[in-house]
N, C-alpha and C. Protein backbone atom coordinates (compact mmCIF):
# COMPACT_ATOMS: atom_id res chain seq x y z
N UNK A 1 49.23 120.24 102.79
CA UNK A 1 48.20 120.24 101.78
C UNK A 1 48.25 118.91 101.01
N UNK A 2 47.14 118.61 100.36
CA UNK A 2 47.04 117.37 99.60
C UNK A 2 47.98 117.43 98.40
N UNK A 3 48.78 116.39 98.26
CA UNK A 3 49.66 116.28 97.10
C UNK A 3 49.58 114.88 96.52
N UNK A 4 49.51 114.81 95.21
CA UNK A 4 49.51 113.56 94.47
C UNK A 4 50.58 113.68 93.39
N UNK A 5 51.51 112.74 93.36
CA UNK A 5 52.60 112.80 92.38
C UNK A 5 52.65 111.50 91.61
N UNK A 6 52.36 111.59 90.32
CA UNK A 6 52.37 110.43 89.45
C UNK A 6 53.75 110.22 88.84
N UNK A 7 54.06 108.96 88.54
CA UNK A 7 55.30 108.62 87.87
C UNK A 7 55.12 107.31 87.13
N UNK A 8 56.07 107.01 86.25
CA UNK A 8 56.08 105.72 85.57
C UNK A 8 55.64 105.74 84.12
N UNK A 9 55.21 106.90 83.63
CA UNK A 9 54.81 106.97 82.24
C UNK A 9 55.99 106.88 81.29
N UNK A 10 55.68 106.78 80.00
CA UNK A 10 56.74 106.71 79.00
C UNK A 10 56.21 106.22 77.67
N UNK A 11 57.14 105.90 76.79
CA UNK A 11 56.82 105.39 75.46
C UNK A 11 56.93 103.87 75.48
N UNK A 12 55.89 103.21 74.99
CA UNK A 12 55.88 101.75 74.96
C UNK A 12 55.24 101.29 73.66
N UNK A 13 55.67 100.15 73.16
CA UNK A 13 55.10 99.61 71.92
C UNK A 13 53.75 98.95 72.20
N UNK A 14 52.90 98.87 71.22
CA UNK A 14 51.63 98.15 71.39
C UNK A 14 51.88 96.73 71.89
N UNK A 15 51.06 96.31 72.86
CA UNK A 15 51.23 95.01 73.48
C UNK A 15 52.14 95.02 74.69
N UNK A 16 52.81 96.14 74.92
CA UNK A 16 53.73 96.25 76.04
C UNK A 16 53.04 96.58 77.36
N UNK A 17 53.86 96.78 78.40
CA UNK A 17 53.34 97.02 79.74
C UNK A 17 54.03 98.23 80.38
N UNK A 18 53.31 98.87 81.27
CA UNK A 18 53.85 99.93 82.11
C UNK A 18 53.19 99.85 83.47
N UNK A 19 53.89 100.31 84.49
CA UNK A 19 53.30 100.40 85.82
C UNK A 19 53.43 101.83 86.32
N UNK A 20 52.29 102.45 86.54
CA UNK A 20 52.25 103.82 87.05
C UNK A 20 52.16 103.80 88.57
N UNK A 21 52.73 104.82 89.19
CA UNK A 21 52.65 104.99 90.63
C UNK A 21 52.10 106.37 90.96
N UNK A 22 51.41 106.46 92.07
CA UNK A 22 50.90 107.73 92.57
C UNK A 22 51.25 107.82 94.06
N UNK A 23 52.15 108.71 94.39
CA UNK A 23 52.55 108.91 95.79
C UNK A 23 51.72 110.05 96.38
N UNK A 24 51.07 109.76 97.50
CA UNK A 24 50.14 110.72 98.11
C UNK A 24 50.66 111.23 99.44
N UNK A 25 50.29 112.46 99.76
CA UNK A 25 50.64 113.04 101.06
C UNK A 25 49.64 114.14 101.41
N UNK A 26 49.63 114.53 102.69
CA UNK A 26 48.79 115.64 103.10
C UNK A 26 47.39 115.27 103.54
N UNK A 27 47.09 113.99 103.57
CA UNK A 27 45.79 113.53 104.04
C UNK A 27 45.93 112.09 104.54
N UNK A 28 44.89 111.62 105.23
CA UNK A 28 44.92 110.25 105.75
C UNK A 28 44.62 109.27 104.62
N UNK A 29 45.67 108.82 104.00
CA UNK A 29 45.59 108.05 102.75
C UNK A 29 44.64 106.87 102.86
N UNK A 30 44.75 106.13 103.94
CA UNK A 30 43.98 104.88 104.07
C UNK A 30 42.48 105.11 104.24
N UNK A 31 42.06 106.36 104.38
CA UNK A 31 40.65 106.65 104.61
C UNK A 31 39.87 106.95 103.33
N UNK A 32 40.55 106.96 102.19
CA UNK A 32 39.89 107.41 100.96
C UNK A 32 40.11 106.47 99.79
N UNK A 33 39.08 106.36 98.96
CA UNK A 33 39.25 105.70 97.68
C UNK A 33 40.11 106.58 96.78
N UNK A 34 40.87 105.95 95.92
CA UNK A 34 41.75 106.66 94.99
C UNK A 34 41.43 106.19 93.57
N UNK A 35 41.48 107.13 92.64
CA UNK A 35 41.17 106.80 91.25
C UNK A 35 42.29 107.22 90.31
N UNK A 36 42.35 106.53 89.18
CA UNK A 36 43.15 106.96 88.05
C UNK A 36 42.21 107.43 86.95
N UNK A 37 42.52 108.59 86.37
CA UNK A 37 41.84 109.13 85.21
C UNK A 37 42.86 109.26 84.09
N UNK A 38 42.36 109.47 82.88
CA UNK A 38 43.26 109.76 81.77
C UNK A 38 42.59 110.75 80.83
N UNK A 39 43.44 111.48 80.11
CA UNK A 39 42.95 112.43 79.12
C UNK A 39 43.80 112.34 77.87
N UNK A 40 43.18 111.92 76.78
CA UNK A 40 43.85 111.82 75.50
C UNK A 40 43.76 113.16 74.78
N UNK A 41 44.67 113.43 73.85
CA UNK A 41 44.63 114.70 73.12
C UNK A 41 43.28 114.95 72.47
N UNK A 42 42.71 116.11 72.72
CA UNK A 42 41.44 116.47 72.11
C UNK A 42 40.22 115.81 72.71
N UNK A 43 40.41 115.08 73.80
CA UNK A 43 39.28 114.37 74.40
C UNK A 43 39.10 114.79 75.86
N UNK A 44 37.93 114.45 76.39
CA UNK A 44 37.65 114.77 77.79
C UNK A 44 38.36 113.78 78.72
N UNK A 45 38.59 114.22 79.94
CA UNK A 45 39.18 113.34 80.93
C UNK A 45 38.18 112.24 81.28
N UNK A 46 38.66 111.01 81.44
CA UNK A 46 37.77 109.88 81.73
C UNK A 46 38.32 109.04 82.87
N UNK A 47 37.38 108.47 83.63
CA UNK A 47 37.75 107.61 84.74
C UNK A 47 38.24 106.27 84.21
N UNK A 48 39.39 105.84 84.72
CA UNK A 48 39.97 104.57 84.29
C UNK A 48 39.71 103.46 85.32
N UNK A 49 40.04 103.75 86.59
CA UNK A 49 39.92 102.72 87.62
C UNK A 49 39.88 103.37 89.00
N UNK A 50 39.25 102.67 89.94
CA UNK A 50 39.15 103.13 91.32
C UNK A 50 39.43 101.98 92.26
N UNK A 51 40.12 102.27 93.36
CA UNK A 51 40.34 101.28 94.41
C UNK A 51 39.83 101.86 95.72
N UNK A 52 39.10 101.04 96.49
CA UNK A 52 38.53 101.52 97.74
C UNK A 52 39.60 101.65 98.82
N UNK A 53 39.20 102.11 99.99
CA UNK A 53 40.13 102.48 101.05
C UNK A 53 41.10 101.38 101.43
N UNK A 54 40.60 100.19 101.60
CA UNK A 54 41.49 99.09 102.00
C UNK A 54 41.79 98.16 100.84
N UNK A 55 41.43 98.59 99.65
CA UNK A 55 41.76 97.82 98.46
C UNK A 55 40.89 96.60 98.24
N UNK A 56 39.81 96.51 98.99
CA UNK A 56 38.97 95.34 98.87
C UNK A 56 38.07 95.33 97.65
N UNK A 57 37.91 96.49 97.03
CA UNK A 57 37.05 96.58 95.86
C UNK A 57 37.69 97.48 94.82
N UNK A 58 37.58 97.06 93.57
CA UNK A 58 38.12 97.84 92.47
C UNK A 58 37.07 97.94 91.36
N UNK A 59 37.15 99.00 90.59
CA UNK A 59 36.27 99.19 89.45
C UNK A 59 37.07 99.70 88.28
N UNK A 60 36.67 99.30 87.06
CA UNK A 60 37.40 99.66 85.84
C UNK A 60 36.42 100.07 84.75
N UNK A 61 36.88 100.96 83.89
CA UNK A 61 36.09 101.23 82.70
C UNK A 61 36.17 100.01 81.79
N UNK A 62 35.16 99.79 80.98
CA UNK A 62 35.08 98.56 80.20
C UNK A 62 36.29 98.36 79.29
N UNK A 63 36.80 99.43 78.72
CA UNK A 63 37.87 99.30 77.72
C UNK A 63 39.20 98.84 78.30
N UNK A 64 39.35 98.86 79.63
CA UNK A 64 40.62 98.42 80.22
C UNK A 64 40.47 97.15 81.07
N UNK A 65 39.25 96.69 81.24
CA UNK A 65 39.03 95.47 82.05
C UNK A 65 39.82 94.31 81.48
N UNK A 66 40.48 93.57 82.37
CA UNK A 66 41.29 92.44 81.96
C UNK A 66 42.70 92.80 81.53
N UNK A 67 42.97 94.10 81.36
CA UNK A 67 44.31 94.55 80.96
C UNK A 67 44.99 95.39 82.04
N UNK A 68 44.22 96.18 82.75
CA UNK A 68 44.77 97.07 83.79
C UNK A 68 44.40 96.53 85.17
N UNK A 69 45.30 96.77 86.13
CA UNK A 69 45.04 96.40 87.52
C UNK A 69 45.43 97.55 88.43
N UNK A 70 44.48 98.02 89.23
CA UNK A 70 44.75 99.06 90.21
C UNK A 70 44.97 98.41 91.57
N UNK A 71 45.94 98.93 92.32
CA UNK A 71 46.21 98.41 93.65
C UNK A 71 46.76 99.54 94.52
N UNK A 72 46.84 99.28 95.81
CA UNK A 72 47.36 100.31 96.72
C UNK A 72 48.16 99.67 97.83
N UNK A 73 49.10 100.46 98.35
CA UNK A 73 49.91 100.06 99.50
C UNK A 73 49.73 101.17 100.54
N UNK A 74 48.87 100.92 101.52
CA UNK A 74 48.58 101.97 102.49
C UNK A 74 49.78 102.28 103.39
N UNK A 75 50.70 101.35 103.52
CA UNK A 75 51.91 101.60 104.32
C UNK A 75 52.83 102.58 103.60
N UNK A 76 52.73 102.63 102.28
CA UNK A 76 53.59 103.52 101.50
C UNK A 76 52.84 104.73 100.95
N UNK A 77 51.55 104.83 101.26
CA UNK A 77 50.73 105.93 100.73
C UNK A 77 50.83 106.02 99.21
N UNK A 78 50.74 104.89 98.57
CA UNK A 78 50.95 104.82 97.12
C UNK A 78 49.88 103.96 96.46
N UNK A 79 49.43 104.43 95.30
CA UNK A 79 48.52 103.66 94.46
C UNK A 79 49.24 103.35 93.15
N UNK A 80 48.94 102.18 92.60
CA UNK A 80 49.59 101.73 91.38
C UNK A 80 48.55 101.44 90.30
N UNK A 81 48.99 101.53 89.07
CA UNK A 81 48.18 101.08 87.94
C UNK A 81 49.08 100.26 87.02
N UNK A 82 48.88 98.95 87.07
CA UNK A 82 49.61 98.05 86.18
C UNK A 82 48.84 97.96 84.87
N UNK A 83 49.50 98.31 83.78
CA UNK A 83 48.86 98.34 82.47
C UNK A 83 49.54 97.34 81.55
N UNK A 84 48.80 96.34 81.12
CA UNK A 84 49.31 95.31 80.22
C UNK A 84 48.58 95.36 78.89
N UNK A 85 49.15 94.71 77.90
CA UNK A 85 48.53 94.64 76.56
C UNK A 85 48.10 96.03 76.09
N UNK A 86 49.00 96.97 76.20
CA UNK A 86 48.67 98.36 75.88
C UNK A 86 48.36 98.52 74.40
N UNK A 87 47.42 99.44 74.14
CA UNK A 87 46.98 99.73 72.78
C UNK A 87 47.23 101.20 72.47
N UNK A 88 47.33 101.55 71.21
CA UNK A 88 47.53 102.97 70.87
C UNK A 88 46.44 103.87 71.46
N UNK A 89 45.24 103.37 71.58
CA UNK A 89 44.15 104.19 72.15
C UNK A 89 44.28 104.41 73.65
N UNK A 90 45.26 103.76 74.29
CA UNK A 90 45.55 104.03 75.70
C UNK A 90 46.45 105.25 75.87
N UNK A 91 46.94 105.79 74.77
CA UNK A 91 47.80 106.96 74.83
C UNK A 91 47.05 108.14 75.47
N UNK A 92 47.63 108.70 76.53
CA UNK A 92 46.97 109.78 77.27
C UNK A 92 47.89 110.24 78.39
N UNK A 93 47.51 111.34 79.00
CA UNK A 93 48.10 111.73 80.27
C UNK A 93 47.25 111.08 81.36
N UNK A 94 47.90 110.39 82.27
CA UNK A 94 47.21 109.66 83.34
C UNK A 94 47.35 110.45 84.64
N UNK A 95 46.21 110.65 85.30
CA UNK A 95 46.15 111.45 86.53
C UNK A 95 45.64 110.63 87.70
N UNK A 96 46.21 110.90 88.85
CA UNK A 96 45.75 110.33 90.11
C UNK A 96 44.74 111.31 90.72
N UNK A 97 43.72 110.77 91.38
CA UNK A 97 42.65 111.62 91.92
C UNK A 97 42.16 111.10 93.25
N UNK A 98 41.86 112.05 94.16
CA UNK A 98 41.19 111.71 95.40
C UNK A 98 40.12 112.77 95.65
N UNK A 99 38.98 112.32 96.15
CA UNK A 99 37.91 113.25 96.49
C UNK A 99 37.79 113.30 98.01
N UNK A 100 37.97 114.50 98.54
CA UNK A 100 37.90 114.70 99.99
C UNK A 100 36.90 115.82 100.26
N UNK A 101 35.85 115.52 101.02
CA UNK A 101 34.84 116.52 101.36
C UNK A 101 34.31 117.23 100.11
N UNK A 102 33.95 116.47 99.12
CA UNK A 102 33.36 116.95 97.87
C UNK A 102 34.33 117.73 96.99
N UNK A 103 35.59 117.82 97.36
CA UNK A 103 36.59 118.47 96.52
C UNK A 103 37.46 117.41 95.86
N UNK A 104 37.76 117.63 94.60
CA UNK A 104 38.64 116.73 93.86
C UNK A 104 40.05 117.29 93.85
N UNK A 105 41.01 116.43 94.14
CA UNK A 105 42.42 116.80 94.09
C UNK A 105 43.09 115.97 93.00
N UNK A 106 43.99 116.62 92.27
CA UNK A 106 44.65 115.99 91.12
C UNK A 106 46.16 116.15 91.21
N UNK A 107 46.86 115.14 90.65
CA UNK A 107 48.27 115.31 90.42
C UNK A 107 48.48 116.02 89.09
N UNK A 108 49.76 116.18 88.71
CA UNK A 108 50.07 116.86 87.45
C UNK A 108 50.03 115.91 86.26
N UNK A 109 49.98 114.61 86.54
CA UNK A 109 49.85 113.63 85.48
C UNK A 109 51.17 113.08 84.98
N UNK A 110 51.07 111.92 84.32
CA UNK A 110 52.23 111.31 83.69
C UNK A 110 51.79 110.83 82.30
N UNK A 111 52.61 111.10 81.30
CA UNK A 111 52.24 110.82 79.91
C UNK A 111 52.58 109.38 79.54
N UNK A 112 51.59 108.70 78.99
CA UNK A 112 51.78 107.35 78.44
C UNK A 112 51.54 107.41 76.94
N UNK A 113 52.54 106.99 76.18
CA UNK A 113 52.43 106.98 74.72
C UNK A 113 52.63 105.55 74.23
N UNK A 114 51.63 105.04 73.53
CA UNK A 114 51.69 103.68 73.00
C UNK A 114 51.81 103.79 71.49
N UNK A 115 52.99 103.46 70.99
CA UNK A 115 53.25 103.64 69.57
C UNK A 115 54.40 102.75 69.13
N UNK A 116 54.33 102.32 67.87
CA UNK A 116 55.43 101.54 67.32
C UNK A 116 56.42 102.44 66.59
């Protein structure tokens, strides 16, 4: 079955960096675009970034452009999210997502807290 396992979250000071990882299994990883979403307390889940199948194209929400970088390693079935210049408003649970045959699959998420 499809499994997505996020890791790399934690507590970081404003201006700091974190790198999240998403390890995937149970499907042909290289055939699908992968996305990162996040959900802050009391807010709806929002799309952060997407990388296409071979990593040739990426998309970001405006608030993270220039600070976050999404990438993938198809040999390792892993997607990454490098987050730099973190702000308190980036605090959220970050989820990995893949859509297969109109179904969305999610990991359990990893918590990122940006605070001094």
